[in-house]
Amino acid sequence: MEYLVWLGACVSLAGLAGLVWCIIRVWKARNAGLRDEELKATIQKVVPLNMGSLFLSVIGLMLVVLGILLA
């Protein structure tokens, strides 16, 4: 079940990369001096990607734990 641990680690890292991308995107939008409506629109576009990345990270960590338990 070692492959399950490595697969979970890769999936978690992909989710983490997505979370970092979301943070950078919102940070750049805040520093760009956008109006409130434009900033809200940017954040609304990022929220689904943020939730998807968080879900991906959780699934990856579940795979890691499952791989460890089955080993």
C-alpha atoms as a PDB file:
ATOM      1  CA  MET A   1       0.000   0.000   0.000  1.00  0.00           C
ATOM      2  CA  GLU A   2       3.013   2.242  -0.290  1.00  0.00           C
ATOM      3  CA  TYR A   3       1.742   3.519  -3.639  1.00  0.00           C
ATOM      4  CA  LEU A   4      -1.400   4.771  -1.886  1.00  0.00           C
ATOM      5  CA  VAL A   5       0.707   6.885   0.470  1.00  0.00           C
ATOM      6  CA  TRP A   6       2.675   8.401  -2.424  1.00  0.00           C
ATOM      7  CA  LEU A   7      -0.479   8.994  -4.448  1.00  0.00           C
ATOM      8  CA  GLY A   8      -2.081  10.730  -1.471  1.00  0.00           C
ATOM      9  CA  ALA A   9       1.010  12.866  -0.948  1.00  0.00           C
ATOM     10  CA  CYS A  10       0.953  13.980  -4.597  1.00  0.00           C
ATOM     11  CA  VAL A  11      -2.760  14.780  -4.446  1.00  0.00           C
ATOM     12  CA  SER A  12      -2.253  16.751  -1.230  1.00  0.00           C
ATOM     13  CA  LEU A  13       0.599  18.712  -2.780  1.00  0.00           C
ATOM     14  CA  ALA A  14      -1.571  19.543  -5.787  1.00  0.00           C
ATOM     15  CA  GLY A  15      -4.260  20.825  -3.434  1.00  0.00           C
ATOM     16  CA  LEU A  16      -1.701  22.833  -1.499  1.00  0.00           C
ATOM     17  CA  ALA A  17      -0.422  24.378  -4.724  1.00  0.00           C
ATOM     18  CA  GLY A  18      -3.991  25.384  -5.570  1.00  0.00           C
ATOM     19  CA  LEU A  19      -4.430  26.985  -2.160  1.00  0.00           C
ATOM     20  CA  VAL A  20      -1.206  28.960  -2.564  1.00  0.00           C
ATOM     21  CA  TRP A  21      -2.337  30.096  -6.019  1.00  0.00           C
ATOM     22  CA  CYS A  22      -5.661  31.317  -4.564  1.00  0.00           C
ATOM     23  CA  ILE A  23      -3.862  33.236  -1.822  1.00  0.00           C
ATOM     24  CA  ILE A  24      -1.537  34.905  -4.311  1.00  0.00           C
ATOM     25  CA  ARG A  25      -4.410  35.782  -6.645  1.00  0.00           C
ATOM     26  CA  VAL A  26      -6.450  37.502  -3.913  1.00  0.00           C
ATOM     27  CA  TRP A  27      -3.373  39.184  -2.481  1.00  0.00           C
ATOM     28  CA  LYS A  28      -2.529  40.693  -5.871  1.00  0.00           C
ATOM     29  CA  ALA A  29      -6.124  41.844  -6.311  1.00  0.00           C
ATOM     30  CA  ARG A  30      -6.089  43.549  -2.906  1.00  0.00           C
ATOM     31  CA  ASN A  31      -2.817  45.322  -3.658  1.00  0.00           C
ATOM     32  CA  ALA A  32      -3.995  46.418  -7.115  1.00  0.00           C
ATOM     33  CA  GLY A  33      -6.315  49.000  -5.580  1.00  0.00           C
ATOM     34  CA  LEU A  34      -9.466  47.663  -7.213  1.00  0.00           C
ATOM     35  CA  ARG A  35     -12.884  49.039  -6.409  1.00  0.00           C
ATOM     36  CA  ASP A  36     -15.081  47.066  -4.032  1.00  0.00           C
ATOM     37  CA  GLU A  37     -17.182  45.545  -6.830  1.00  0.00           C
ATOM     38  CA  GLU A  38     -14.132  44.413  -8.788  1.00  0.00           C
ATOM     39  CA  LEU A  39     -12.501  42.984  -5.674  1.00  0.00           C
ATOM     40  CA  LYS A  40     -15.681  41.092  -4.777  1.00  0.00           C
ATOM     41  CA  ALA A  41     -15.889  39.710  -8.321  1.00  0.00           C
ATOM     42  CA  THR A  42     -12.300  38.501  -8.138  1.00  0.00           C
ATOM     43  CA  ILE A  43     -12.856  36.867  -4.765  1.00  0.00           C
ATOM     44  CA  GLN A  44     -16.064  35.221  -5.982  1.00  0.00           C
ATOM     45  CA  LYS A  45     -14.134  33.689  -8.874  1.00  0.00           C
ATOM     46  CA  VAL A  46     -11.440  32.357  -6.527  1.00  0.00           C
ATOM     47  CA  VAL A  47     -13.755  30.858  -3.871  1.00  0.00           C
ATOM     48  CA  PRO A  48     -14.769  27.740  -5.887  1.00  0.00           C
ATOM     49  CA  LEU A  49     -11.135  27.077  -6.771  1.00  0.00           C
ATOM     50  CA  ASN A  50     -10.192  27.525  -3.131  1.00  0.00           C
ATOM     51  CA  MET A  51     -12.832  25.038  -2.006  1.00  0.00           C
ATOM     52  CA  GLY A  52     -11.772  22.565  -4.700  1.00  0.00           C
ATOM     53  CA  SER A  53      -8.139  22.833  -3.639  1.00  0.00           C
ATOM     54  CA  LEU A  54      -9.078  22.316  -0.018  1.00  0.00           C
ATOM     55  CA  PHE A  55     -11.138  19.264  -0.988  1.00  0.00           C
ATOM     56  CA  LEU A  56      -8.218  17.895  -2.992  1.00  0.00           C
ATOM     57  CA  SER A  57      -5.886  18.322  -0.026  1.00  0.00           C
ATOM     58  CA  VAL A  58      -8.297  16.541   2.298  1.00  0.00           C
ATOM     59  CA  ILE A  59      -8.740  13.645  -0.124  1.00  0.00           C
ATOM     60  CA  GLY A  60      -4.964  13.350  -0.440  1.00  0.00           C
ATOM     61  CA  LEU A  61      -4.506  13.253   3.314  1.00  0.00           C
ATOM     62  CA  MET A  62      -7.239  10.624   3.576  1.00  0.00           C
ATOM     63  CA  LEU A  63      -5.370   8.505   1.023  1.00  0.00           C
ATOM     64  CA  VAL A  64      -2.165   8.845   3.027  1.00  0.00           C
ATOM     65  CA  VAL A  65      -3.886   7.755   6.247  1.00  0.00           C
ATOM     66  CA  LEU A  66      -5.618   4.888   4.451  1.00  0.00           C
ATOM     67  CA  GLY A  67      -2.321   3.744   2.965  1.00  0.00           C
ATOM     68  CA  ILE A  68      -0.667   3.823   6.378  1.00  0.00           C
ATOM     69  CA  LEU A  69      -3.510   1.914   8.023  1.00  0.00           C
ATOM     70  CA  LEU A  70      -3.517  -0.773   5.327  1.00  0.00           C
ATOM     71  CA  ALA A  71       0.248  -1.226   5.360  1.00  0.00           C
END
